[in-house]
């Protein structure tokens, strides 16, 4: 009889994919980003709203095709009364529910911002998580292109506040009306065909004109040999769709002119062009430069959800990861007009428009590119007397009382491991008080960053021990001021 194969032990120290662990530098970066973005929203007159993590599943609408087990796209569970609840998929559906519940008492239009985590039961990937932070602004109850133009101009300001520099992002704008007009022109009436065309247009940046032409026609085979079936359009229809998708020009006015020639003269085309022209006029009044906002007919975004203009925030800057590989993050936010969402609850059509910044996605991009670096840790007071750490505790308390982030070492290791601990914490400085310092009424301070700079020019260990780079004594009464100077110089 052969040996019985033992089952592999289960690795308990594992986590589900798409649910990131975050250290302090990323936590602080995301919180600071949210504060800056919501600062923009507040400055534009929006008020904060916070809703719970769970909504009843039927309130999320289109994301739940399976009523018996509504987990497609969301994470759901049953309440004690057997009603399905789902973790919120975005921050907009909870807003629609809240607006419907409180419409009679809300100021109209209702202008709100919100920030917090959302959860999506989808396949994770680079910069794409199952749990992530969003920061939204929405106007409920305002029809017309002026409200959309305001949202777009504010979105550009929010991107800049989040940390994207001039030329590193753009807000791309399109409208569902023009897409509908093009589909009508080529007689694309079937739902499957229409969705295939729209998905093909969405791949223009990724596959280029020839790749999209294949997807609009018979189909496309990728480098691995996998074949994606196309929309089955004839050559003339493919040409019309591509003429629309490639109508983007250097300025908004030039793009509108090119679109006028590409979409025809149907009622839907005329209405779509008027919509974009009004948005362009509003953007001029709001002072939004051409570099911030472009009209881009290739933008295809949630067209089962949006009813008019759609806009997408794209990070243009290529980032290079620690392996030297170029990573293009692309879309980091978006929004549009969704006039049918509140009507699901009330039956009355209430116009609405909004924009969402993908905070986690932006932070991931900045982290990859090195924009988010390691934060300074606390000043570490070394424990020179393991039997009685009172002096270390007193000094740390004194530093904290002066507003300096500080800690006394709480382990039981010797000097070298304590210094290694301070280095791993990213401490700007350490403070030491032993018997000699107590007798002289001084402290020994080591400026770790300055010490590292000086040490780079020292050739031998003997010279290093003699020079003790970055290390000095200071009267105990001067400790706070000397540490404060080091901390401020390192910020």
Protein backbone atom coordinates (compact mmCIF):
# COMPACT_ATOMS: atom_id res chain seq x y z
CA UNK A 1 0.00 0.00 0.00
CA UNK A 2 1.36 3.39 -0.96
CA UNK A 3 1.85 6.24 1.42
CA UNK A 4 -1.18 8.31 2.28
CA UNK A 5 -0.54 11.82 1.06
CA UNK A 6 -0.93 14.36 3.83
CA UNK A 7 -3.07 17.37 2.95
CA UNK A 8 -1.21 20.62 2.76
CA UNK A 9 -1.74 22.79 5.82
CA UNK A 10 -3.99 25.75 5.25
CA UNK A 11 -2.11 29.02 5.24
CA UNK A 12 -4.09 31.12 7.69
CA UNK A 13 -2.01 34.25 7.02
CA UNK A 14 -3.66 35.01 3.72
CA UNK A 15 -6.18 37.57 2.56
CA UNK A 16 -8.73 37.75 -0.25
CA UNK A 17 -7.51 39.33 -3.47
CA UNK A 18 -8.56 42.90 -4.08
CA UNK A 19 -8.70 43.89 -0.40
CA UNK A 20 -5.47 45.81 0.16
CA UNK A 21 -3.55 46.18 3.40
CA UNK A 22 -2.36 49.75 3.92
CA UNK A 23 0.59 51.12 5.86
CA UNK A 24 0.70 54.60 7.32
CA UNK A 25 2.14 56.38 4.28
CA UNK A 26 -0.73 55.26 2.03
CA UNK A 27 -3.37 55.84 4.72
CA UNK A 28 -2.14 59.39 5.27
CA UNK A 29 -1.87 60.05 1.53
CA UNK A 30 -5.46 58.91 0.89
CA UNK A 31 -6.85 60.88 3.84
CA UNK A 32 -4.99 64.02 2.75
CA UNK A 33 -6.26 63.54 -0.81
CA UNK A 34 -9.85 63.24 0.42
CA UNK A 35 -9.46 66.38 2.54
CA UNK A 36 -8.17 68.37 -0.43
CA UNK A 37 -10.84 67.09 -2.83
CA UNK A 38 -13.72 67.64 -0.40
CA UNK A 39 -12.24 71.09 0.24
CA UNK A 40 -12.81 71.83 -3.44
CA UNK A 41 -16.38 70.49 -3.27
CA UNK A 42 -17.17 72.58 -0.19
CA UNK A 43 -15.70 75.68 -1.82
CA UNK A 44 -18.11 75.15 -4.73
CA UNK A 45 -21.04 75.07 -2.30
CA UNK A 46 -21.63 71.33 -1.81
CA UNK A 47 -22.57 69.86 1.58
CA UNK A 48 -21.42 66.59 3.10
CA UNK A 49 -23.58 63.48 3.38
CA UNK A 50 -22.64 60.13 4.89
CA UNK A 51 -24.67 56.99 4.29
CA UNK A 52 -24.25 53.46 5.64
CA UNK A 53 -22.10 50.75 4.10
CA UNK A 54 -25.14 48.55 3.33
CA UNK A 55 -28.17 49.26 1.15
CA UNK A 56 -31.07 46.95 0.42
CA UNK A 57 -30.09 44.98 -2.65
CA UNK A 58 -33.09 46.03 -4.72
CA UNK A 59 -32.05 49.68 -4.27
CA UNK A 60 -28.93 49.02 -6.36
CA UNK A 61 -30.95 48.17 -9.45
CA UNK A 62 -29.04 47.10 -12.50
CA UNK A 63 -26.15 45.50 -10.63
CA UNK A 64 -28.32 42.64 -9.36
CA UNK A 65 -29.48 40.30 -12.13
CA UNK A 66 -30.05 37.34 -9.76
CA UNK A 67 -32.85 37.90 -7.27
CA UNK A 68 -32.30 34.54 -5.58
CA UNK A 69 -28.63 35.19 -4.92
CA UNK A 70 -27.85 38.83 -5.78
CA UNK A 71 -24.06 38.64 -5.64
CA UNK A 72 -23.16 39.47 -9.24
CA UNK A 73 -21.05 42.60 -8.98
CA UNK A 74 -21.75 43.19 -5.28
CA UNK A 75 -21.23 41.50 -1.90
CA UNK A 76 -24.64 40.59 -0.47
CA UNK A 77 -26.12 38.89 2.58
CA UNK A 78 -29.57 38.36 4.03
CA UNK A 79 -30.88 40.42 6.93
CA UNK A 80 -32.65 38.74 9.85
CA UNK A 81 -35.96 39.32 8.05
CA UNK A 82 -34.54 37.56 4.95
CA UNK A 83 -34.20 40.74 2.93
CA UNK A 84 -31.06 40.95 0.81
CA UNK A 85 -28.60 43.68 1.74
CA UNK A 86 -25.51 44.59 -0.28
CA UNK A 87 -22.37 46.51 0.47
CA UNK A 88 -22.68 49.71 -1.51
CA UNK A 89 -21.31 49.43 -5.04
CA UNK A 90 -20.82 53.18 -5.36
CA UNK A 91 -21.84 56.38 -3.54
CA UNK A 92 -24.48 57.41 -6.08
CA UNK A 93 -27.15 54.76 -5.51
CA UNK A 94 -27.27 55.58 -1.76
CA UNK A 95 -27.64 59.26 -2.69
CA UNK A 96 -30.56 58.47 -4.97
CA UNK A 97 -32.25 56.51 -2.20
CA UNK A 98 -31.60 59.31 0.34
CA UNK A 99 -32.90 61.99 -2.06
CA UNK A 100 -36.06 59.98 -2.74
CA UNK A 101 -36.68 59.50 1.00
CA UNK A 102 -36.12 63.16 1.90
CA UNK A 103 -37.01 65.05 -1.28
CA UNK A 104 -39.77 67.12 0.30
CA UNK A 105 -37.45 68.64 2.91
CA UNK A 106 -34.22 68.99 0.91
CA UNK A 107 -33.05 72.26 -0.70
CA UNK A 108 -33.52 71.93 -4.46
CA UNK A 109 -31.26 71.37 -6.19
CA UNK A 110 -29.55 69.23 -3.56
CA UNK A 111 -25.77 69.55 -3.81
CA UNK A 112 -23.88 66.93 -1.82
CA UNK A 113 -20.42 65.45 -1.56
CA UNK A 114 -19.43 62.15 0.02
CA UNK A 115 -16.28 60.14 0.57
CA UNK A 116 -15.76 56.58 1.74
CA UNK A 117 -15.17 52.96 0.82
CA UNK A 118 -17.21 51.05 -1.76
CA UNK A 119 -17.12 47.33 -2.59
CA UNK A 120 -17.35 45.52 -5.93
CA UNK A 121 -17.42 41.78 -6.41
CA UNK A 122 -15.30 41.89 -9.55
CA UNK A 123 -11.97 40.52 -10.72
CA UNK A 124 -9.16 42.66 -9.26
CA UNK A 125 -6.14 43.85 -11.25
CA UNK A 126 -3.35 46.46 -11.19
CA UNK A 127 -4.77 49.55 -9.51
CA UNK A 128 -8.23 47.91 -9.46
CA UNK A 129 -9.51 46.70 -6.10
CA UNK A 130 -12.63 45.08 -4.67
CA UNK A 131 -12.60 47.55 -1.79
CA UNK A 132 -11.59 51.11 -2.56
CA UNK A 133 -12.21 54.75 -1.70
CA UNK A 134 -14.23 57.19 -3.76
CA UNK A 135 -14.88 60.89 -3.35
CA UNK A 136 -18.04 62.11 -5.09
CA UNK A 137 -20.00 65.28 -5.74
CA UNK A 138 -23.53 65.33 -7.20
CA UNK A 139 -26.23 67.85 -7.98
CA UNK A 140 -29.75 66.38 -7.79
CA UNK A 141 -32.59 68.45 -9.21
CA UNK A 142 -30.71 70.62 -11.74
CA UNK A 143 -31.32 70.08 -15.44
CA UNK A 144 -29.33 71.68 -18.22
CA UNK A 145 -25.80 71.82 -19.53
CA UNK A 146 -24.73 74.54 -17.07
CA UNK A 147 -24.93 72.01 -14.20
CA UNK A 148 -22.89 69.51 -16.22
CA UNK A 149 -20.31 72.17 -17.11
CA UNK A 150 -19.96 73.12 -13.45
CA UNK A 151 -19.44 69.48 -12.49
CA UNK A 152 -16.78 69.04 -15.19
CA UNK A 153 -14.88 72.22 -14.28
CA UNK A 154 -15.00 71.27 -10.60
CA UNK A 155 -13.77 67.77 -11.47
CA UNK A 156 -10.67 69.28 -13.08
CA UNK A 157 -10.04 71.38 -9.97
CA UNK A 158 -10.50 68.27 -7.81
CA UNK A 159 -7.96 66.34 -9.89
CA UNK A 160 -5.43 69.11 -9.43
CA UNK A 161 -6.15 69.21 -5.69
CA UNK A 162 -5.65 65.44 -5.55
CA UNK A 163 -2.09 65.89 -6.80
CA UNK A 164 -2.25 65.67 -10.60
CA UNK A 165 -0.15 68.48 -12.09
CA UNK A 166 -0.94 70.52 -15.19
CA UNK A 167 -0.65 68.31 -18.26
CA UNK A 168 -0.84 65.08 -16.22
CA UNK A 169 -4.61 64.67 -16.53
CA UNK A 170 -7.56 65.56 -18.68
CA UNK A 171 -11.35 65.39 -18.31
CA UNK A 172 -12.80 63.84 -21.49
CA UNK A 173 -16.42 64.68 -22.32
CA UNK A 174 -18.97 63.07 -24.62
CA UNK A 175 -22.74 62.63 -24.68
CA UNK A 176 -24.96 59.60 -25.05
CA UNK A 177 -27.12 61.50 -27.55
CA UNK A 178 -24.37 61.60 -30.18
CA UNK A 179 -23.60 57.92 -29.66
CA UNK A 180 -27.28 57.15 -30.13
CA UNK A 181 -27.32 59.22 -33.33
CA UNK A 182 -24.38 57.30 -34.79
CA UNK A 183 -25.99 53.96 -33.92
CA UNK A 184 -29.22 55.11 -35.58
CA UNK A 185 -27.30 56.21 -38.70
CA UNK A 186 -25.88 52.71 -39.20
CA UNK A 187 -29.17 51.03 -38.21
CA UNK A 188 -27.65 49.26 -35.21
CA UNK A 189 -30.89 48.36 -33.43
CA UNK A 190 -30.07 45.11 -31.66
CA UNK A 191 -29.01 45.48 -28.02
CA UNK A 192 -26.11 43.02 -28.36
CA UNK A 193 -24.81 44.78 -31.48
CA UNK A 194 -25.07 48.21 -29.86
CA UNK A 195 -23.18 47.09 -26.76
CA UNK A 196 -20.50 45.42 -28.87
CA UNK A 197 -20.00 48.66 -30.80
CA UNK A 198 -19.76 50.73 -27.64
CA UNK A 199 -17.29 48.30 -26.06
CA UNK A 200 -15.20 48.46 -29.23
CA UNK A 201 -15.11 52.28 -29.08
CA UNK A 202 -14.00 52.06 -25.47
CA UNK A 203 -10.88 50.16 -26.64
CA UNK A 204 -9.64 52.91 -28.99
CA UNK A 205 -6.79 53.97 -26.68
CA UNK A 206 -5.80 50.36 -26.06
CA UNK A 207 -6.04 48.80 -29.54
CA UNK A 208 -5.83 51.78 -31.89
CA UNK A 209 -7.94 52.43 -34.98
CA UNK A 210 -7.14 49.14 -36.73
CA UNK A 211 -7.95 47.07 -33.62
CA UNK A 212 -11.28 48.87 -33.12
CA UNK A 213 -12.07 48.46 -36.83
CA UNK A 214 -11.62 44.70 -36.39
CA UNK A 215 -13.93 44.70 -33.35
CA UNK A 216 -16.53 46.67 -35.27
CA UNK A 217 -16.28 44.19 -38.15
CA UNK A 218 -15.79 40.41 -38.00
CA UNK A 219 -13.68 40.39 -34.85
CA UNK A 220 -10.15 40.62 -33.49
CA UNK A 221 -7.50 38.07 -32.62
CA UNK A 222 -5.03 39.12 -29.93
CA UNK A 223 -1.35 38.17 -29.61
CA UNK A 224 -2.18 35.04 -27.63
CA UNK A 225 -4.45 33.74 -30.37
CA UNK A 226 -7.72 34.42 -28.51
CA UNK A 227 -10.47 35.64 -30.82
CA UNK A 228 -13.06 38.25 -29.84
CA UNK A 229 -16.16 38.25 -31.99
CA UNK A 230 -16.96 41.66 -33.50
CA UNK A 231 -20.15 43.64 -34.09
CA UNK A 232 -20.42 42.40 -37.70
CA UNK A 233 -20.72 45.85 -39.30
CA UNK A 234 -20.04 46.26 -43.00
CA UNK A 235 -17.18 48.43 -44.25
CA UNK A 236 -19.36 51.52 -44.72
CA UNK A 237 -20.77 51.35 -41.20
CA UNK A 238 -17.30 50.79 -39.73
CA UNK A 239 -16.09 53.90 -41.55
CA UNK A 240 -18.96 55.99 -40.13
CA UNK A 241 -18.34 54.84 -36.56
CA UNK A 242 -14.59 55.48 -36.82
CA UNK A 243 -15.17 58.93 -38.36
CA UNK A 244 -17.20 59.77 -35.25
CA UNK A 245 -14.68 58.27 -32.82
CA UNK A 246 -11.78 60.14 -34.44
CA UNK A 247 -13.51 63.53 -34.59
CA UNK A 248 -11.50 64.86 -31.65
CA UNK A 249 -9.44 67.95 -32.48
CA UNK A 250 -7.06 70.34 -30.70
CA UNK A 251 -9.81 72.58 -29.31
CA UNK A 252 -13.37 72.08 -28.14
CA UNK A 253 -14.79 74.30 -30.89
CA UNK A 254 -12.87 72.45 -33.62
CA UNK A 255 -14.07 69.11 -32.24
CA UNK A 256 -17.68 70.29 -32.28
CA UNK A 257 -17.29 71.33 -35.91
CA UNK A 258 -15.81 67.94 -36.85
CA UNK A 259 -18.58 66.13 -34.96
CA UNK A 260 -21.18 68.11 -36.87
CA UNK A 261 -19.89 66.55 -40.07
CA UNK A 262 -19.64 63.04 -38.60
CA UNK A 263 -23.00 62.51 -36.86
CA UNK A 264 -25.51 63.75 -39.41
CA UNK A 265 -28.61 65.91 -38.94
CA UNK A 266 -31.08 63.70 -37.06
CA UNK A 267 -32.95 65.12 -34.09
CA UNK A 268 -30.75 63.14 -31.71
CA UNK A 269 -27.56 64.37 -33.41
CA UNK A 270 -28.75 67.98 -33.33
CA UNK A 271 -29.70 67.70 -29.65
CA UNK A 272 -26.35 66.08 -28.78
CA UNK A 273 -24.33 68.77 -30.55
CA UNK A 274 -26.35 71.48 -28.83
CA UNK A 275 -25.73 69.79 -25.49
CA UNK A 276 -21.95 69.70 -25.99
CA UNK A 277 -21.90 73.26 -27.34
CA UNK A 278 -23.71 74.49 -24.23
CA UNK A 279 -21.26 72.61 -22.01
CA UNK A 280 -18.35 74.16 -23.92
CA UNK A 281 -19.86 77.61 -23.42
CA UNK A 282 -20.27 76.94 -19.70
CA UNK A 283 -16.67 75.74 -19.43
CA UNK A 284 -15.50 79.00 -21.01
CA UNK A 285 -17.50 80.98 -18.46
CA UNK A 286 -16.03 78.88 -15.65
CA UNK A 287 -12.49 79.44 -16.92
CA UNK A 288 -11.74 75.75 -17.59
CA UNK A 289 -8.75 75.63 -19.98
CA UNK A 290 -8.62 73.42 -23.05
CA UNK A 291 -5.81 71.39 -21.45
CA UNK A 292 -8.09 70.47 -18.53
CA UNK A 293 -11.19 69.48 -20.48
CA UNK A 294 -11.48 68.02 -23.97
CA UNK A 295 -14.49 66.87 -25.97
CA UNK A 296 -13.68 63.29 -26.91
CA UNK A 297 -16.26 61.27 -28.89
CA UNK A 298 -14.50 57.99 -28.04
CA UNK A 299 -15.59 58.21 -24.38
CA UNK A 300 -18.02 55.40 -23.66
CA UNK A 301 -18.96 55.17 -20.01
CA UNK A 302 -21.82 53.32 -18.34
CA UNK A 303 -24.34 54.11 -21.03
CA UNK A 304 -26.97 51.90 -19.42
CA UNK A 305 -26.70 54.23 -16.43
CA UNK A 306 -26.12 57.70 -17.86
CA UNK A 307 -28.77 59.56 -19.82
CA UNK A 308 -26.82 62.46 -21.36
CA UNK A 309 -23.30 63.86 -21.04
CA UNK A 310 -20.60 61.53 -19.77
CA UNK A 311 -17.14 62.53 -18.59
CA UNK A 312 -14.03 60.62 -17.62
CA UNK A 313 -10.91 61.75 -15.75
CA UNK A 314 -7.79 60.23 -17.24
CA UNK A 315 -4.31 60.26 -15.74
CA UNK A 316 -2.01 60.92 -18.70
CA UNK A 317 1.26 60.41 -16.89
CA UNK A 318 2.92 57.03 -17.42
CA UNK A 319 4.30 55.62 -14.17
CA UNK A 320 7.23 53.24 -13.75
CA UNK A 321 7.04 50.58 -11.06
CA UNK A 322 9.89 49.24 -8.91
CA UNK A 323 10.71 46.66 -11.60
CA UNK A 324 11.12 49.38 -14.22
CA UNK A 325 7.91 48.43 -16.02
CA UNK A 326 5.76 51.21 -17.47
CA UNK A 327 2.27 51.23 -15.96
CA UNK A 328 -0.53 53.28 -17.51
CA UNK A 329 -3.31 53.76 -14.98
CA UNK A 330 -5.69 55.60 -17.34
CA UNK A 331 -9.13 56.35 -15.93
CA UNK A 332 -9.13 57.54 -12.31
CA UNK A 333 -12.61 59.03 -12.11
CA UNK A 334 -15.71 59.89 -14.03
CA UNK A 335 -19.33 60.81 -14.03
CA UNK A 336 -22.18 62.16 -16.08
CA UNK A 337 -25.87 62.92 -16.14
CA UNK A 338 -28.23 60.28 -14.73
CA UNK A 339 -31.78 61.63 -14.88
CA UNK A 340 -33.48 58.25 -14.33
CA UNK A 341 -31.85 57.05 -11.11
CA UNK A 342 -34.01 58.80 -8.49
CA UNK A 343 -37.10 57.95 -10.55
CA UNK A 344 -36.58 54.29 -9.65
CA UNK A 345 -37.73 55.17 -6.14
CA UNK A 346 -40.27 57.93 -6.73
CA UNK A 347 -41.58 57.39 -10.23
CA UNK A 348 -40.88 61.06 -10.92
CA UNK A 349 -38.00 61.98 -13.20
CA UNK A 350 -35.51 64.10 -11.25
CA UNK A 351 -32.46 65.40 -13.14
CA UNK A 352 -29.05 64.70 -11.63
CA UNK A 353 -25.38 64.98 -12.54
CA UNK A 354 -22.25 63.94 -10.66
CA UNK A 355 -18.57 63.12 -10.65
CA UNK A 356 -16.46 60.64 -8.68
CA UNK A 357 -12.71 60.62 -8.03
CA UNK A 358 -11.23 57.15 -7.58
CA UNK A 359 -9.05 58.00 -4.57
CA UNK A 360 -7.56 54.51 -4.15
CA UNK A 361 -6.77 54.25 -7.86
CA UNK A 362 -5.12 57.69 -7.89
CA UNK A 363 -3.15 56.90 -4.75
CA UNK A 364 -2.00 53.60 -6.30
CA UNK A 365 -0.77 55.49 -9.36
CA UNK A 366 1.08 58.05 -7.25
CA UNK A 367 2.55 55.28 -5.09
CA UNK A 368 3.87 53.39 -8.13
CA UNK A 369 5.48 56.53 -9.51
CA UNK A 370 7.08 57.43 -6.18
CA UNK A 371 5.02 60.58 -5.58
CA UNK A 372 3.83 59.00 -2.33
CA UNK A 373 7.01 58.22 -0.46
CA UNK A 374 7.76 57.04 3.04
CA UNK A 375 6.50 59.35 5.75
CA UNK A 376 8.68 60.54 8.60
CA UNK A 377 8.16 58.38 11.65
CA UNK A 378 8.24 59.47 15.27
CA UNK A 379 11.33 60.64 17.11
CA UNK A 380 12.52 57.61 19.07
CA UNK A 381 13.86 58.01 22.60
CA UNK A 382 16.17 55.06 23.17
CA UNK A 383 15.83 53.13 26.40
CA UNK A 384 19.34 53.08 27.90
CA UNK A 385 18.25 51.53 31.21
CA UNK A 386 16.19 48.40 30.65
CA UNK A 387 15.63 48.01 34.41
CA UNK A 388 14.15 51.51 34.77
CA UNK A 389 12.91 53.22 31.58
CA UNK A 390 11.67 56.29 33.49
CA UNK A 391 14.04 58.76 31.80
CA UNK A 392 13.07 57.60 28.30
CA UNK A 393 9.38 57.89 29.21
CA UNK A 394 9.88 61.40 30.62
CA UNK A 395 11.71 62.64 27.51
CA UNK A 396 9.12 61.19 25.13
CA UNK A 397 6.37 62.83 27.18
CA UNK A 398 8.19 66.16 27.04
CA UNK A 399 8.52 65.97 23.25
CA UNK A 400 4.86 65.06 22.79
CA UNK A 401 3.81 67.94 25.04
CA UNK A 402 5.61 70.25 22.60
CA UNK A 403 3.61 68.80 19.68
CA UNK A 404 6.38 66.54 18.39
CA UNK A 405 5.50 62.97 17.40
CA UNK A 406 7.64 60.82 19.69
CA UNK A 407 7.84 57.46 21.41
CA UNK A 408 10.02 55.77 24.00
CA UNK A 409 11.40 52.43 22.84
CA UNK A 410 9.30 49.66 24.42
CA UNK A 411 11.31 46.60 23.50
CA UNK A 412 14.02 44.82 25.48
CA UNK A 413 16.86 44.96 22.93
CA UNK A 414 20.24 46.62 23.14
CA UNK A 415 21.55 49.77 21.47
CA UNK A 416 22.14 48.44 17.96
CA UNK A 417 18.66 46.82 17.55
CA UNK A 418 17.09 50.00 18.94
CA UNK A 419 18.90 52.07 16.30
CA UNK A 420 17.76 49.60 13.65
CA UNK A 421 14.19 49.94 14.96
CA UNK A 422 14.37 53.75 14.69
CA UNK A 423 15.66 53.44 11.13
CA UNK A 424 12.82 51.11 10.13
CA UNK A 425 10.29 53.50 11.67
CA UNK A 426 11.64 56.31 9.50
CA UNK A 427 12.53 58.32 12.61
CA UNK A 428 14.10 61.72 11.83
CA UNK A 429 16.12 61.57 15.05
CA UNK A 430 16.82 59.55 18.16
CA UNK A 431 17.42 60.82 21.69
CA UNK A 432 19.73 59.05 24.14
CA UNK A 433 20.22 59.61 27.87
CA UNK A 434 22.60 57.35 29.76
CA UNK A 435 24.52 57.74 33.00
CA UNK A 436 27.01 60.21 31.48
CA UNK A 437 24.26 62.42 30.03
CA UNK A 438 22.36 62.44 33.33
CA UNK A 439 25.46 63.56 35.21
CA UNK A 440 26.15 66.36 32.72
CA UNK A 441 22.50 67.45 32.34
CA UNK A 442 22.55 66.85 28.58
CA UNK A 443 20.97 64.60 25.99
CA UNK A 444 22.64 62.99 23.00
CA UNK A 445 20.73 63.55 19.77
CA UNK A 446 21.39 61.79 16.49
CA UNK A 447 19.95 63.38 13.34
CA UNK A 448 19.45 60.20 11.33
CA UNK A 449 18.89 61.77 7.91
CA UNK A 450 21.80 64.20 8.24
CA UNK A 451 23.93 61.41 9.67
CA UNK A 452 23.21 59.23 6.64
CA UNK A 453 24.21 62.08 4.31
CA UNK A 454 27.49 62.66 6.16
CA UNK A 455 28.23 58.94 6.40
CA UNK A 456 28.10 58.58 2.62
CA UNK A 457 31.38 60.52 2.41
CA UNK A 458 33.17 58.46 5.10
CA UNK A 459 35.44 55.69 3.83
CA UNK A 460 36.25 53.53 6.90
CA UNK A 461 34.56 52.15 9.99
CA UNK A 462 37.22 53.72 12.18
CA UNK A 463 36.54 57.16 10.72
CA UNK A 464 32.79 56.62 11.12
CA UNK A 465 33.14 55.73 14.82
CA UNK A 466 35.37 58.75 15.35
CA UNK A 467 33.13 61.23 13.50
CA UNK A 468 29.76 59.90 14.70
CA UNK A 469 28.01 61.72 11.83
CA UNK A 470 24.84 63.61 12.73
CA UNK A 471 25.33 63.05 16.46
CA UNK A 472 25.75 65.81 19.06
CA UNK A 473 25.08 66.69 22.68
CA UNK A 474 22.66 69.40 23.76
CA UNK A 475 21.62 70.80 27.14
CA UNK A 476 18.48 69.08 28.32
CA UNK A 477 16.64 72.40 28.34
CA UNK A 478 17.39 72.78 24.60
CA UNK A 479 16.26 69.28 23.58
CA UNK A 480 12.82 70.26 22.35
CA UNK A 481 14.09 73.17 20.25
CA UNK A 482 16.91 71.10 18.71
CA UNK A 483 14.57 68.20 17.87
CA UNK A 484 11.96 70.61 16.47
CA UNK A 485 14.58 72.06 14.11
CA UNK A 486 15.50 68.59 12.85
CA UNK A 487 11.88 67.59 12.29
CA UNK A 488 11.05 70.82 10.43
CA UNK A 489 14.16 70.57 8.25
CA UNK A 490 13.20 67.04 7.24
CA UNK A 491 9.63 67.83 6.20
